[in-house]
Amino acid sequence: MGFLGLDTVISDSEFAAYDAQPWVFALLTSRMHMVWTRAVAGALETRIRYSNTIVYNNYPVPPLSDTVKEQLTELALRVLDVREYHSELTLADLYDPDKMPDNLRRAHEELDALVDSIYRKREFSSDEERLSLLFEMYAKMTEAEGKK
C-alpha cells in the first residue's frame, strides 16, 4: 500500500482513497486490517484481491478521537519515512520477512501496537482474537445499520 499524491493515476485493477489523511494509511497498513483483509477479501492464486465494497467499506473501526488520529498520523509518517530511507528497495523487498529492514519492522510494530490499543486495552494473543473481535464489531455495525 502506498501514500500517493492527487496527481497519481492508478490502473483499473487498483483502488485509491483520494484525499485520505495519513491516519487512514496507518489503519490500512496495520496488522488488524491485514487480518480482516485476509479473512474477507478474495484471492487470485495466492494474491489478495482487495475490494473497496467488501473489505474497505466493511472494516470495523471504533470511534477515533483527534488525539488518536494525530498519533496514527505520526506513526504513518514514520513508516513512510523509513520506507523512503530504503528507497533503493522495492515494496516487495521491504516487506519480505527475510529482508525487511529492522527499522521498518519496528515502525510497523509501533503502529500495530497503537492500532491494537484502539480496539481494546488488553493485548491480543493471536490474529484469531483480532478477527473474532472484528467480526463481533461487524455484527454490531450491521445490526445497527438494519435498525435505521
N, C-alpha and C. Protein backbone atom coordinates (compact mmCIF):
# COMPACT_ATOMS: atom_id res chain seq x y z
N MET A 1 0.85 -1.16 0.00
CA MET A 1 0.00 0.00 0.00
C MET A 1 0.90 1.23 0.00
N GLY A 2 0.47 2.21 -0.76
CA GLY A 2 1.25 3.42 -0.83
C GLY A 2 0.44 4.64 -0.42
N PHE A 3 1.14 5.74 -0.25
CA PHE A 3 0.51 7.02 0.06
C PHE A 3 0.96 7.96 -1.04
N LEU A 4 0.06 8.25 -1.99
CA LEU A 4 0.42 8.97 -3.20
C LEU A 4 -0.30 10.31 -3.27
N GLY A 5 0.21 11.18 -4.12
CA GLY A 5 -0.41 12.48 -4.32
C GLY A 5 -1.63 12.40 -5.22
N LEU A 6 -2.40 13.48 -5.25
CA LEU A 6 -3.61 13.53 -6.08
C LEU A 6 -3.31 13.49 -7.57
N ASP A 7 -2.07 13.76 -7.95
CA ASP A 7 -1.70 13.76 -9.36
C ASP A 7 -1.37 12.36 -9.88
N THR A 8 -1.47 11.35 -9.03
CA THR A 8 -1.15 9.98 -9.42
C THR A 8 -2.37 9.31 -10.03
N VAL A 9 -2.16 8.68 -11.18
CA VAL A 9 -3.21 7.92 -11.83
C VAL A 9 -2.91 6.44 -11.58
N ILE A 10 -3.92 5.72 -11.13
CA ILE A 10 -3.71 4.30 -10.85
C ILE A 10 -4.44 3.46 -11.90
N SER A 11 -4.05 2.20 -12.03
CA SER A 11 -4.66 1.32 -13.03
C SER A 11 -6.06 0.90 -12.59
N ASP A 12 -6.80 0.32 -13.52
CA ASP A 12 -8.17 -0.08 -13.23
C ASP A 12 -8.27 -1.29 -12.31
N SER A 13 -7.15 -1.94 -12.01
CA SER A 13 -7.19 -3.08 -11.08
C SER A 13 -6.78 -2.67 -9.67
N GLU A 14 -6.58 -1.37 -9.47
CA GLU A 14 -6.16 -0.85 -8.17
C GLU A 14 -7.31 -0.06 -7.55
N PHE A 15 -7.14 0.26 -6.28
CA PHE A 15 -8.09 1.10 -5.57
C PHE A 15 -7.35 2.27 -4.96
N ALA A 16 -8.05 3.38 -4.82
CA ALA A 16 -7.46 4.56 -4.21
C ALA A 16 -8.49 5.19 -3.28
N ALA A 17 -8.00 5.70 -2.18
CA ALA A 17 -8.80 6.52 -1.28
C ALA A 17 -8.26 7.94 -1.44
N TYR A 18 -8.85 8.68 -2.36
CA TYR A 18 -8.36 10.01 -2.67
C TYR A 18 -8.59 10.96 -1.51
N ASP A 19 -7.62 11.84 -1.30
CA ASP A 19 -7.67 12.87 -0.27
C ASP A 19 -7.73 12.27 1.14
N ALA A 20 -7.22 11.05 1.28
CA ALA A 20 -7.21 10.39 2.60
C ALA A 20 -6.12 11.00 3.48
N GLN A 21 -6.39 11.06 4.74
CA GLN A 21 -5.42 11.55 5.72
C GLN A 21 -4.42 10.43 6.05
N PRO A 22 -3.23 10.78 6.51
CA PRO A 22 -2.24 9.75 6.84
C PRO A 22 -2.73 8.74 7.89
N TRP A 23 -3.62 9.14 8.79
CA TRP A 23 -4.10 8.20 9.81
C TRP A 23 -4.88 7.06 9.16
N VAL A 24 -5.50 7.31 8.01
CA VAL A 24 -6.20 6.23 7.29
C VAL A 24 -5.17 5.23 6.77
N PHE A 25 -4.06 5.74 6.24
CA PHE A 25 -2.96 4.88 5.80
C PHE A 25 -2.49 4.00 6.96
N ALA A 26 -2.38 4.60 8.15
CA ALA A 26 -1.94 3.84 9.32
C ALA A 26 -2.90 2.69 9.61
N LEU A 27 -4.19 2.96 9.60
CA LEU A 27 -5.16 1.88 9.85
C LEU A 27 -5.06 0.79 8.78
N LEU A 28 -4.96 1.20 7.53
CA LEU A 28 -4.97 0.23 6.43
C LEU A 28 -3.68 -0.58 6.32
N THR A 29 -2.59 -0.09 6.88
CA THR A 29 -1.34 -0.85 6.83
C THR A 29 -1.09 -1.61 8.14
N SER A 30 -2.07 -1.57 9.03
CA SER A 30 -1.91 -2.25 10.31
C SER A 30 -2.16 -3.75 10.19
N ARG A 31 -1.65 -4.46 11.16
CA ARG A 31 -1.88 -5.91 11.25
C ARG A 31 -3.37 -6.20 11.37
N MET A 32 -4.07 -5.34 12.14
CA MET A 32 -5.51 -5.52 12.34
C MET A 32 -6.23 -5.53 10.99
N HIS A 33 -5.92 -4.56 10.15
CA HIS A 33 -6.58 -4.50 8.84
C HIS A 33 -6.16 -5.66 7.95
N MET A 34 -4.91 -6.07 8.04
CA MET A 34 -4.47 -7.21 7.22
C MET A 34 -5.16 -8.50 7.64
N VAL A 35 -5.42 -8.67 8.93
CA VAL A 35 -6.15 -9.85 9.42
C VAL A 35 -7.55 -9.83 8.81
N TRP A 36 -8.20 -8.66 8.84
CA TRP A 36 -9.53 -8.51 8.25
C TRP A 36 -9.49 -8.81 6.74
N THR A 37 -8.51 -8.24 6.07
CA THR A 37 -8.38 -8.41 4.62
C THR A 37 -8.21 -9.88 4.25
N ARG A 38 -7.33 -10.57 4.93
CA ARG A 38 -7.11 -11.99 4.62
C ARG A 38 -8.37 -12.83 4.84
N ALA A 39 -9.22 -12.40 5.77
CA ALA A 39 -10.42 -13.17 6.08
C ALA A 39 -11.57 -12.89 5.11
N VAL A 40 -11.70 -11.65 4.63
CA VAL A 40 -12.89 -11.32 3.85
C VAL A 40 -12.63 -11.03 2.38
N ALA A 41 -11.39 -10.78 2.00
CA ALA A 41 -11.08 -10.47 0.59
C ALA A 41 -11.05 -11.75 -0.23
N GLY A 42 -11.15 -11.57 -1.50
CA GLY A 42 -10.97 -12.70 -2.40
C GLY A 42 -9.49 -12.94 -2.64
N ALA A 43 -9.22 -13.95 -3.44
CA ALA A 43 -7.82 -14.25 -3.77
C ALA A 43 -7.74 -14.76 -5.21
N LEU A 44 -6.66 -14.43 -5.85
CA LEU A 44 -6.34 -14.96 -7.16
C LEU A 44 -5.02 -15.69 -6.97
N GLU A 45 -5.08 -17.01 -7.04
CA GLU A 45 -3.95 -17.85 -6.66
C GLU A 45 -3.62 -17.54 -5.20
N THR A 46 -2.45 -17.01 -4.92
CA THR A 46 -2.10 -16.67 -3.53
C THR A 46 -2.13 -15.17 -3.28
N ARG A 47 -2.55 -14.40 -4.30
CA ARG A 47 -2.56 -12.94 -4.19
C ARG A 47 -3.93 -12.46 -3.71
N ILE A 48 -3.90 -11.53 -2.78
CA ILE A 48 -5.13 -10.95 -2.25
C ILE A 48 -5.79 -10.09 -3.32
N ARG A 49 -7.09 -10.21 -3.43
CA ARG A 49 -7.89 -9.36 -4.33
C ARG A 49 -8.71 -8.41 -3.44
N TYR A 50 -8.15 -7.27 -3.17
CA TYR A 50 -8.77 -6.29 -2.29
C TYR A 50 -10.04 -5.75 -2.95
N SER A 51 -11.03 -5.47 -2.14
CA SER A 51 -12.29 -4.93 -2.64
C SER A 51 -12.70 -3.73 -1.81
N ASN A 52 -13.04 -2.65 -2.49
CA ASN A 52 -13.48 -1.46 -1.75
C ASN A 52 -14.83 -1.71 -1.07
N THR A 53 -15.68 -2.48 -1.69
CA THR A 53 -17.01 -2.69 -1.11
C THR A 53 -17.03 -3.76 -0.02
N ILE A 54 -16.25 -4.80 -0.20
CA ILE A 54 -16.27 -5.89 0.78
C ILE A 54 -15.26 -5.67 1.91
N VAL A 55 -14.07 -5.25 1.58
CA VAL A 55 -13.01 -5.11 2.59
C VAL A 55 -13.03 -3.72 3.22
N TYR A 56 -12.79 -2.71 2.42
CA TYR A 56 -12.62 -1.33 2.93
C TYR A 56 -13.90 -0.81 3.58
N ASN A 57 -15.01 -0.86 2.88
CA ASN A 57 -16.25 -0.27 3.39
C ASN A 57 -16.82 -1.01 4.59
N ASN A 58 -16.44 -2.24 4.79
CA ASN A 58 -16.97 -3.03 5.90
C ASN A 58 -16.00 -3.22 7.05
N TYR A 59 -14.83 -2.61 6.95
CA TYR A 59 -13.82 -2.75 8.01
C TYR A 59 -14.28 -1.98 9.25
N PRO A 60 -14.51 -2.69 10.34
CA PRO A 60 -14.98 -2.02 11.56
C PRO A 60 -13.86 -1.19 12.21
N VAL A 61 -14.16 0.08 12.44
CA VAL A 61 -13.21 0.97 13.10
C VAL A 61 -13.96 1.65 14.24
N PRO A 62 -13.42 1.56 15.44
CA PRO A 62 -14.06 2.25 16.56
C PRO A 62 -13.96 3.76 16.38
N PRO A 63 -14.79 4.51 17.08
CA PRO A 63 -14.67 5.98 17.00
C PRO A 63 -13.25 6.41 17.40
N LEU A 64 -12.71 7.36 16.66
CA LEU A 64 -11.33 7.82 16.89
C LEU A 64 -11.33 9.28 17.31
N SER A 65 -10.67 9.56 18.40
CA SER A 65 -10.53 10.95 18.85
C SER A 65 -9.48 11.65 17.97
N ASP A 66 -9.47 12.96 18.04
CA ASP A 66 -8.46 13.72 17.31
C ASP A 66 -7.05 13.37 17.78
N THR A 67 -6.91 13.11 19.09
CA THR A 67 -5.61 12.73 19.65
C THR A 67 -5.12 11.42 19.04
N VAL A 68 -6.01 10.45 18.94
CA VAL A 68 -5.64 9.15 18.36
C VAL A 68 -5.30 9.32 16.88
N LYS A 69 -6.07 10.12 16.17
CA LYS A 69 -5.77 10.37 14.76
C LYS A 69 -4.39 11.01 14.61
N GLU A 70 -4.04 11.91 15.51
CA GLU A 70 -2.70 12.53 15.47
C GLU A 70 -1.61 11.49 15.72
N GLN A 71 -1.85 10.59 16.69
CA GLN A 71 -0.87 9.53 16.97
C GLN A 71 -0.73 8.60 15.78
N LEU A 72 -1.84 8.24 15.16
CA LEU A 72 -1.81 7.38 13.97
C LEU A 72 -1.07 8.07 12.83
N THR A 73 -1.32 9.36 12.67
CA THR A 73 -0.65 10.13 11.62
C THR A 73 0.86 10.13 11.84
N GLU A 74 1.28 10.35 13.07
CA GLU A 74 2.71 10.35 13.38
C GLU A 74 3.36 9.02 13.02
N LEU A 75 2.69 7.93 13.36
CA LEU A 75 3.27 6.60 13.07
C LEU A 75 3.19 6.27 11.58
N ALA A 76 2.14 6.73 10.90
CA ALA A 76 2.06 6.53 9.45
C ALA A 76 3.21 7.24 8.75
N LEU A 77 3.47 8.47 9.17
CA LEU A 77 4.57 9.23 8.57
C LEU A 77 5.92 8.60 8.89
N ARG A 78 6.02 7.99 10.05
CA ARG A 78 7.26 7.28 10.41
C ARG A 78 7.49 6.10 9.47
N VAL A 79 6.44 5.32 9.22
CA VAL A 79 6.56 4.18 8.28
C VAL A 79 6.98 4.70 6.91
N LEU A 80 6.34 5.76 6.44
CA LEU A 80 6.67 6.30 5.12
C LEU A 80 8.10 6.85 5.09
N ASP A 81 8.53 7.50 6.17
CA ASP A 81 9.91 7.99 6.25
C ASP A 81 10.92 6.86 6.17
N VAL A 82 10.66 5.80 6.91
CA VAL A 82 11.58 4.66 6.91
C VAL A 82 11.61 4.01 5.53
N ARG A 83 10.46 3.89 4.89
CA ARG A 83 10.43 3.36 3.52
C ARG A 83 11.31 4.22 2.60
N GLU A 84 11.18 5.53 2.74
CA GLU A 84 11.95 6.44 1.90
C GLU A 84 13.44 6.30 2.18
N TYR A 85 13.79 6.06 3.42
CA TYR A 85 15.19 5.86 3.79
C TYR A 85 15.78 4.67 3.02
N HIS A 86 14.93 3.69 2.72
CA HIS A 86 15.35 2.49 1.98
C HIS A 86 14.80 2.53 0.56
N SER A 87 14.85 3.70 -0.06
CA SER A 87 14.24 3.89 -1.38
C SER A 87 14.85 3.03 -2.49
N GLU A 88 16.01 2.48 -2.24
CA GLU A 88 16.62 1.61 -3.24
C GLU A 88 15.93 0.24 -3.31
N LEU A 89 15.10 -0.06 -2.31
CA LEU A 89 14.40 -1.35 -2.26
C LEU A 89 12.98 -1.21 -2.79
N THR A 90 12.50 -2.27 -3.41
CA THR A 90 11.10 -2.30 -3.84
C THR A 90 10.22 -2.60 -2.63
N LEU A 91 8.91 -2.37 -2.77
CA LEU A 91 7.99 -2.74 -1.68
C LEU A 91 8.08 -4.24 -1.40
N ALA A 92 8.25 -5.03 -2.46
CA ALA A 92 8.38 -6.48 -2.26
C ALA A 92 9.59 -6.81 -1.39
N ASP A 93 10.70 -6.12 -1.64
CA ASP A 93 11.89 -6.34 -0.82
C ASP A 93 11.70 -5.81 0.60
N LEU A 94 11.09 -4.63 0.71
CA LEU A 94 10.87 -4.04 2.03
C LEU A 94 10.04 -4.94 2.93
N TYR A 95 9.08 -5.64 2.33
CA TYR A 95 8.16 -6.45 3.13
C TYR A 95 8.42 -7.95 3.04
N ASP A 96 9.54 -8.33 2.46
CA ASP A 96 9.97 -9.73 2.50
C ASP A 96 10.41 -10.01 3.94
N PRO A 97 9.78 -10.99 4.60
CA PRO A 97 10.11 -11.24 6.02
C PRO A 97 11.59 -11.47 6.28
N ASP A 98 12.31 -12.01 5.30
CA ASP A 98 13.73 -12.28 5.50
C ASP A 98 14.61 -11.06 5.21
N LYS A 99 14.08 -10.08 4.49
CA LYS A 99 14.88 -8.92 4.10
C LYS A 99 14.42 -7.61 4.72
N MET A 100 13.29 -7.62 5.40
CA MET A 100 12.70 -6.39 5.92
C MET A 100 13.69 -5.67 6.84
N PRO A 101 13.96 -4.39 6.56
CA PRO A 101 14.87 -3.64 7.43
C PRO A 101 14.32 -3.57 8.86
N ASP A 102 15.22 -3.66 9.83
CA ASP A 102 14.81 -3.65 11.24
C ASP A 102 14.04 -2.40 11.62
N ASN A 103 14.45 -1.24 11.09
CA ASN A 103 13.76 -0.01 11.47
C ASN A 103 12.34 0.04 10.89
N LEU A 104 12.11 -0.58 9.74
CA LEU A 104 10.76 -0.66 9.19
C LEU A 104 9.91 -1.63 10.01
N ARG A 105 10.51 -2.73 10.40
CA ARG A 105 9.80 -3.69 11.26
C ARG A 105 9.37 -3.02 12.58
N ARG A 106 10.28 -2.27 13.18
CA ARG A 106 9.97 -1.57 14.44
C ARG A 106 8.87 -0.53 14.23
N ALA A 107 8.94 0.20 13.12
CA ALA A 107 7.92 1.22 12.84
C ALA A 107 6.54 0.58 12.73
N HIS A 108 6.46 -0.57 12.07
CA HIS A 108 5.18 -1.28 11.94
C HIS A 108 4.74 -1.88 13.28
N GLU A 109 5.68 -2.35 14.06
CA GLU A 109 5.31 -2.88 15.38
C GLU A 109 4.70 -1.79 16.26
N GLU A 110 5.27 -0.59 16.21
CA GLU A 110 4.72 0.54 16.98
C GLU A 110 3.32 0.89 16.48
N LEU A 111 3.17 0.94 15.16
CA LEU A 111 1.87 1.24 14.58
C LEU A 111 0.85 0.17 14.98
N ASP A 112 1.24 -1.10 14.87
CA ASP A 112 0.33 -2.20 15.22
C ASP A 112 -0.08 -2.14 16.69
N ALA A 113 0.86 -1.80 17.56
CA ALA A 113 0.53 -1.71 18.99
C ALA A 113 -0.50 -0.62 19.24
N LEU A 114 -0.33 0.52 18.57
CA LEU A 114 -1.30 1.60 18.74
C LEU A 114 -2.67 1.19 18.20
N VAL A 115 -2.69 0.63 17.01
CA VAL A 115 -3.98 0.22 16.42
C VAL A 115 -4.64 -0.82 17.31
N ASP A 116 -3.89 -1.81 17.76
CA ASP A 116 -4.47 -2.82 18.66
C ASP A 116 -5.09 -2.16 19.89
N SER A 117 -4.41 -1.15 20.44
CA SER A 117 -4.90 -0.49 21.66
C SER A 117 -6.18 0.30 21.41
N ILE A 118 -6.41 0.67 20.18
CA ILE A 118 -7.65 1.37 19.82
C ILE A 118 -8.84 0.41 19.92
N TYR A 119 -8.57 -0.84 19.60
CA TYR A 119 -9.64 -1.84 19.59
C TYR A 119 -9.91 -2.41 20.98
N ARG A 120 -8.88 -2.55 21.77
CA ARG A 120 -9.07 -2.98 23.16
C ARG A 120 -7.81 -2.72 23.96
N LYS A 121 -7.97 -2.57 25.26
CA LYS A 121 -6.84 -2.23 26.13
C LYS A 121 -5.91 -3.42 26.38
N ARG A 122 -6.48 -4.60 26.46
CA ARG A 122 -5.69 -5.81 26.69
C ARG A 122 -5.03 -6.25 25.38
N GLU A 123 -3.79 -6.70 25.46
CA GLU A 123 -3.08 -7.15 24.26
C GLU A 123 -3.76 -8.37 23.65
N PHE A 124 -3.63 -8.49 22.34
CA PHE A 124 -4.13 -9.66 21.63
C PHE A 124 -3.07 -10.75 21.69
N SER A 125 -3.53 -11.98 21.88
CA SER A 125 -2.57 -13.09 21.91
C SER A 125 -2.44 -13.76 20.54
N SER A 126 -3.35 -13.43 19.60
CA SER A 126 -3.30 -14.07 18.28
C SER A 126 -4.12 -13.26 17.28
N ASP A 127 -3.88 -13.57 16.02
CA ASP A 127 -4.69 -12.97 14.97
C ASP A 127 -6.13 -13.48 15.02
N GLU A 128 -6.32 -14.67 15.52
CA GLU A 128 -7.67 -15.20 15.67
C GLU A 128 -8.48 -14.34 16.65
N GLU A 129 -7.84 -13.88 17.72
CA GLU A 129 -8.52 -12.97 18.65
C GLU A 129 -8.87 -11.66 17.97
N ARG A 130 -7.97 -11.15 17.16
CA ARG A 130 -8.23 -9.91 16.44
C ARG A 130 -9.44 -10.10 15.52
N LEU A 131 -9.43 -11.18 14.77
CA LEU A 131 -10.51 -11.44 13.82
C LEU A 131 -11.84 -11.65 14.53
N SER A 132 -11.83 -12.34 15.63
CA SER A 132 -13.05 -12.55 16.40
C SER A 132 -13.64 -11.22 16.84
N LEU A 133 -12.80 -10.33 17.35
CA LEU A 133 -13.27 -9.01 17.77
C LEU A 133 -13.81 -8.23 16.57
N LEU A 134 -13.10 -8.28 15.46
CA LEU A 134 -13.56 -7.56 14.27
C LEU A 134 -14.92 -8.06 13.81
N PHE A 135 -15.14 -9.37 13.82
CA PHE A 135 -16.44 -9.89 13.40
C PHE A 135 -17.54 -9.54 14.41
N GLU A 136 -17.21 -9.48 15.69
CA GLU A 136 -18.19 -9.02 16.68
C GLU A 136 -18.57 -7.57 16.39
N MET A 137 -17.57 -6.75 16.11
CA MET A 137 -17.84 -5.35 15.80
C MET A 137 -18.64 -5.22 14.51
N TYR A 138 -18.31 -6.04 13.52
CA TYR A 138 -19.03 -6.01 12.25
C TYR A 138 -20.50 -6.39 12.46
N ALA A 139 -20.74 -7.41 13.28
CA ALA A 139 -22.12 -7.83 13.55
C ALA A 139 -22.91 -6.69 14.20
N LYS A 140 -22.30 -6.01 15.16
CA LYS A 140 -22.98 -4.87 15.82
C LYS A 140 -23.21 -3.73 14.83
N MET A 141 -22.22 -3.51 13.98
CA MET A 141 -22.31 -2.45 12.99
C MET A 141 -23.46 -2.71 12.01
N THR A 142 -23.57 -3.92 11.52
CA THR A 142 -24.62 -4.24 10.56
C THR A 142 -25.99 -4.31 11.24
N GLU A 143 -26.01 -4.73 12.49
CA GLU A 143 -27.27 -4.75 13.24
C GLU A 143 -27.79 -3.32 13.42
N ALA A 144 -26.90 -2.41 13.76
CA ALA A 144 -27.29 -1.01 13.93
C ALA A 144 -27.75 -0.41 12.61
N GLU A 145 -27.09 -0.77 11.50
CA GLU A 145 -27.49 -0.30 10.17
C GLU A 145 -28.89 -0.78 9.83
N GLY A 146 -29.20 -2.03 10.19
CA GLY A 146 -30.51 -2.61 9.89
C GLY A 146 -31.63 -1.94 10.65
N LYS A 147 -31.33 -1.32 11.75
CA LYS A 147 -32.35 -0.67 12.58
C LYS A 147 -32.65 0.76 12.13
N LYS A 148 -31.87 1.26 11.18
CA LYS A 148 -32.08 2.65 10.72
C LYS A 148 -33.24 2.73 9.76
